[in-house]
C-alpha atoms as a PDB file:
ATOM      1  CA  UNK A   1     -55.825  -7.771  14.125  1.00  0.00           C
ATOM      2  CA  UNK A   2     -53.028  -9.774  15.733  1.00  0.00           C
ATOM      3  CA  UNK A   3     -49.527  -8.437  16.286  1.00  0.00           C
ATOM      4  CA  UNK A   4     -46.846 -10.774  15.019  1.00  0.00           C
ATOM      5  CA  UNK A   5     -43.566 -11.018  16.950  1.00  0.00           C
ATOM      6  CA  UNK A   6     -40.298  -9.920  15.302  1.00  0.00           C
ATOM      7  CA  UNK A   7     -38.445 -13.093  16.226  1.00  0.00           C
ATOM      8  CA  UNK A   8     -39.081 -16.115  14.071  1.00  0.00           C
ATOM      9  CA  UNK A   9     -39.876 -19.292  15.959  1.00  0.00           C
ATOM     10  CA  UNK A  10     -37.049 -21.811  15.949  1.00  0.00           C
ATOM     11  CA  UNK A  11     -37.420 -25.284  17.329  1.00  0.00           C
ATOM     12  CA  UNK A  12     -35.064 -26.842  19.895  1.00  0.00           C
ATOM     13  CA  UNK A  13     -33.452 -28.929  17.148  1.00  0.00           C
ATOM     14  CA  UNK A  14     -32.555 -25.777  15.221  1.00  0.00           C
ATOM     15  CA  UNK A  15     -31.214 -24.037  18.328  1.00  0.00           C
ATOM     16  CA  UNK A  16     -28.154 -26.301  18.564  1.00  0.00           C
ATOM     17  CA  UNK A  17     -26.948 -25.953  14.972  1.00  0.00           C
ATOM     18  CA  UNK A  18     -23.821 -24.048  13.977  1.00  0.00           C
ATOM     19  CA  UNK A  19     -25.879 -21.544  12.009  1.00  0.00           C
ATOM     20  CA  UNK A  20     -28.059 -20.663  14.994  1.00  0.00           C
ATOM     21  CA  UNK A  21     -25.035 -20.228  17.268  1.00  0.00           C
ATOM     22  CA  UNK A  22     -23.418 -18.059  14.605  1.00  0.00           C
ATOM     23  CA  UNK A  23     -26.520 -15.829  14.393  1.00  0.00           C
ATOM     24  CA  UNK A  24     -26.596 -15.458  18.182  1.00  0.00           C
ATOM     25  CA  UNK A  25     -22.901 -14.544  18.360  1.00  0.00           C
ATOM     26  CA  UNK A  26     -23.297 -12.152  15.447  1.00  0.00           C
ATOM     27  CA  UNK A  27     -25.980 -10.244  17.314  1.00  0.00           C
ATOM     28  CA  UNK A  28     -23.740  -9.915  20.391  1.00  0.00           C
ATOM     29  CA  UNK A  29     -20.312  -9.321  18.765  1.00  0.00           C
ATOM     30  CA  UNK A  30     -20.548  -7.938  15.225  1.00  0.00           C
ATOM     31  CA  UNK A  31     -16.888  -6.778  15.087  1.00  0.00           C
ATOM     32  CA  UNK A  32     -15.475 -10.182  16.008  1.00  0.00           C
ATOM     33  CA  UNK A  33     -17.461 -11.888  13.310  1.00  0.00           C
ATOM     34  CA  UNK A  34     -17.201  -9.302  10.515  1.00  0.00           C
ATOM     35  CA  UNK A  35     -14.441  -6.792  11.264  1.00  0.00           C
ATOM     36  CA  UNK A  36     -11.784  -9.120  12.609  1.00  0.00           C
ATOM     37  CA  UNK A  37     -11.925 -11.610   9.706  1.00  0.00           C
ATOM     38  CA  UNK A  38     -11.842  -8.695   7.252  1.00  0.00           C
ATOM     39  CA  UNK A  39      -8.759  -7.153   8.872  1.00  0.00           C
ATOM     40  CA  UNK A  40      -7.090 -10.574   9.108  1.00  0.00           C
ATOM     41  CA  UNK A  41      -7.748 -11.129   5.400  1.00  0.00           C
ATOM     42  CA  UNK A  42      -6.161  -7.772   4.528  1.00  0.00           C
ATOM     43  CA  UNK A  43      -3.046  -8.458   6.617  1.00  0.00           C
ATOM     44  CA  UNK A  44      -2.672 -12.013   5.307  1.00  0.00           C
ATOM     45  CA  UNK A  45      -3.149 -10.770   1.744  1.00  0.00           C
ATOM     46  CA  UNK A  46      -0.375  -8.265   2.277  1.00  0.00           C
ATOM     47  CA  UNK A  47       2.005 -11.012   3.364  1.00  0.00           C
ATOM     48  CA  UNK A  48       0.983 -13.322   0.514  1.00  0.00           C
ATOM     49  CA  UNK A  49       1.330 -10.592  -2.136  1.00  0.00           C
ATOM     50  CA  UNK A  50       4.761  -9.400  -0.973  1.00  0.00           C
ATOM     51  CA  UNK A  51       6.667 -11.995  -3.057  1.00  0.00           C
ATOM     52  CA  UNK A  52       4.601 -11.104  -6.133  1.00  0.00           C
ATOM     53  CA  UNK A  53       5.455  -7.421  -5.831  1.00  0.00           C
ATOM     54  CA  UNK A  54       9.114  -8.299  -5.217  1.00  0.00           C
ATOM     55  CA  UNK A  55       9.169 -10.265  -8.475  1.00  0.00           C
ATOM     56  CA  UNK A  56       7.610  -7.315 -10.255  1.00  0.00           C
ATOM     57  CA  UNK A  57      10.263  -4.886  -9.021  1.00  0.00           C
ATOM     58  CA  UNK A  58      13.102  -7.336  -9.690  1.00  0.00           C
ATOM     59  CA  UNK A  59      11.889  -7.683 -13.276  1.00  0.00           C
ATOM     60  CA  UNK A  60      11.798  -3.885 -13.583  1.00  0.00           C
ATOM     61  CA  UNK A  61      15.327  -3.615 -12.151  1.00  0.00           C
ATOM     62  CA  UNK A  62      16.637  -6.179 -14.638  1.00  0.00           C
ATOM     63  CA  UNK A  63      15.123  -4.213 -17.496  1.00  0.00           C
ATOM     64  CA  UNK A  64      16.407  -0.845 -16.274  1.00  0.00           C
ATOM     65  CA  UNK A  65      19.814  -1.806 -14.982  1.00  0.00           C
ATOM     66  CA  UNK A  66      22.842   0.389 -14.655  1.00  0.00           C
ATOM     67  CA  UNK A  67      24.997   0.464 -17.733  1.00  0.00           C
ATOM     68  CA  UNK A  68      28.738   0.185 -17.582  1.00  0.00           C
ATOM     69  CA  UNK A  69      30.793   2.973 -19.117  1.00  0.00           C
ATOM     70  CA  UNK A  70      31.534   0.857 -22.178  1.00  0.00           C
ATOM     71  CA  UNK A  71      27.864   0.056 -22.771  1.00  0.00           C
ATOM     72  CA  UNK A  72      26.968   3.688 -22.148  1.00  0.00           C
ATOM     73  CA  UNK A  73      29.372   4.869 -24.816  1.00  0.00           C
ATOM     74  CA  UNK A  74      28.152   2.229 -27.236  1.00  0.00           C
ATOM     75  CA  UNK A  75      31.474   0.498 -27.824  1.00  0.00           C
ATOM     76  CA  UNK A  76      30.378  -2.967 -26.823  1.00  0.00           C
ATOM     77  CA  UNK A  77      30.258  -4.478 -30.320  1.00  0.00           C
ATOM     78  CA  UNK A  78      31.734  -2.392 -33.114  1.00  0.00           C
ATOM     79  CA  UNK A  79      32.810   0.894 -31.546  1.00  0.00           C
ATOM     80  CA  UNK A  80      36.247   2.356 -31.177  1.00  0.00           C
ATOM     81  CA  UNK A  81      38.131   2.292 -27.904  1.00  0.00           C
ATOM     82  CA  UNK A  82      37.907   5.621 -26.088  1.00  0.00           C
ATOM     83  CA  UNK A  83      40.524   6.868 -23.696  1.00  0.00           C
ATOM     84  CA  UNK A  84      39.340   9.676 -21.445  1.00  0.00           C
ATOM     85  CA  UNK A  85      42.702  11.480 -21.493  1.00  0.00           C
ATOM     86  CA  UNK A  86      42.894  11.239 -25.256  1.00  0.00           C
ATOM     87  CA  UNK A  87      39.386  12.677 -25.626  1.00  0.00           C
ATOM     88  CA  UNK A  88      40.212  15.457 -23.172  1.00  0.00           C
ATOM     89  CA  UNK A  89      43.300  16.513 -25.107  1.00  0.00           C
ATOM     90  CA  UNK A  90      41.482  16.242 -28.441  1.00  0.00           C
ATOM     91  CA  UNK A  91      38.722  18.579 -27.210  1.00  0.00           C
ATOM     92  CA  UNK A  92      41.190  20.908 -25.491  1.00  0.00           C
ATOM     93  CA  UNK A  93      43.069  21.328 -28.776  1.00  0.00           C
ATOM     94  CA  UNK A  94      39.995  22.755 -30.517  1.00  0.00           C
ATOM     95  CA  UNK A  95      39.857  26.504 -30.978  1.00  0.00           C
ATOM     96  CA  UNK A  96      36.834  27.606 -28.933  1.00  0.00           C
ATOM     97  CA  UNK A  97      37.237  31.328 -29.641  1.00  0.00           C
ATOM     98  CA  UNK A  98      36.716  31.115 -33.405  1.00  0.00           C
ATOM     99  CA  UNK A  99      33.070  30.227 -33.982  1.00  0.00           C
ATOM    100  CA  UNK A 100      30.055  31.572 -35.829  1.00  0.00           C
ATOM    101  CA  UNK A 101      26.475  31.703 -34.593  1.00  0.00           C
ATOM    102  CA  UNK A 102      23.949  30.096 -36.955  1.00  0.00           C
ATOM    103  CA  UNK A 103      20.170  30.273 -36.763  1.00  0.00           C
ATOM    104  CA  UNK A 104      18.211  27.064 -36.604  1.00  0.00           C
ATOM    105  CA  UNK A 105      15.828  26.607 -39.497  1.00  0.00           C
ATOM    106  CA  UNK A 106      12.227  26.761 -38.241  1.00  0.00           C
ATOM    107  CA  UNK A 107       9.368  24.510 -39.253  1.00  0.00           C
ATOM    108  CA  UNK A 108       6.707  25.998 -41.535  1.00  0.00           C
ATOM    109  CA  UNK A 109       4.215  28.021 -39.501  1.00  0.00           C
ATOM    110  CA  UNK A 110       6.454  28.084 -36.420  1.00  0.00           C
ATOM    111  CA  UNK A 111       7.193  31.505 -34.891  1.00  0.00           C
ATOM    112  CA  UNK A 112      10.853  32.336 -35.461  1.00  0.00           C
ATOM    113  CA  UNK A 113      11.181  34.969 -32.730  1.00  0.00           C
ATOM    114  CA  UNK A 114      12.239  37.792 -35.079  1.00  0.00           C
ATOM    115  CA  UNK A 115      10.491  41.055 -34.366  1.00  0.00           C
END
């Protein structure tokens, strides 16, 4: 029984093609032909996707922007004008020593904490 060689026979015409040179270089330098293009693709992808992620975060920032004090208090459209000093004096005038503790009504089946 004959022993067949591992290498396939390639003619001289096939030896000068781009594919044959690529196969020969691949056998000698696998990192340069597989690893380096992969890493280059990852780095280039990072640079190309940076504007897309920036747009995403800018859109998020527009949606969740800081509110001014007027918007925060809800007086933008039909609210009353609030003066901080006036509110301070109005709250300071309240009697804080005269108050009564009231229990919160519990939902049915909820433990009320009474022993």
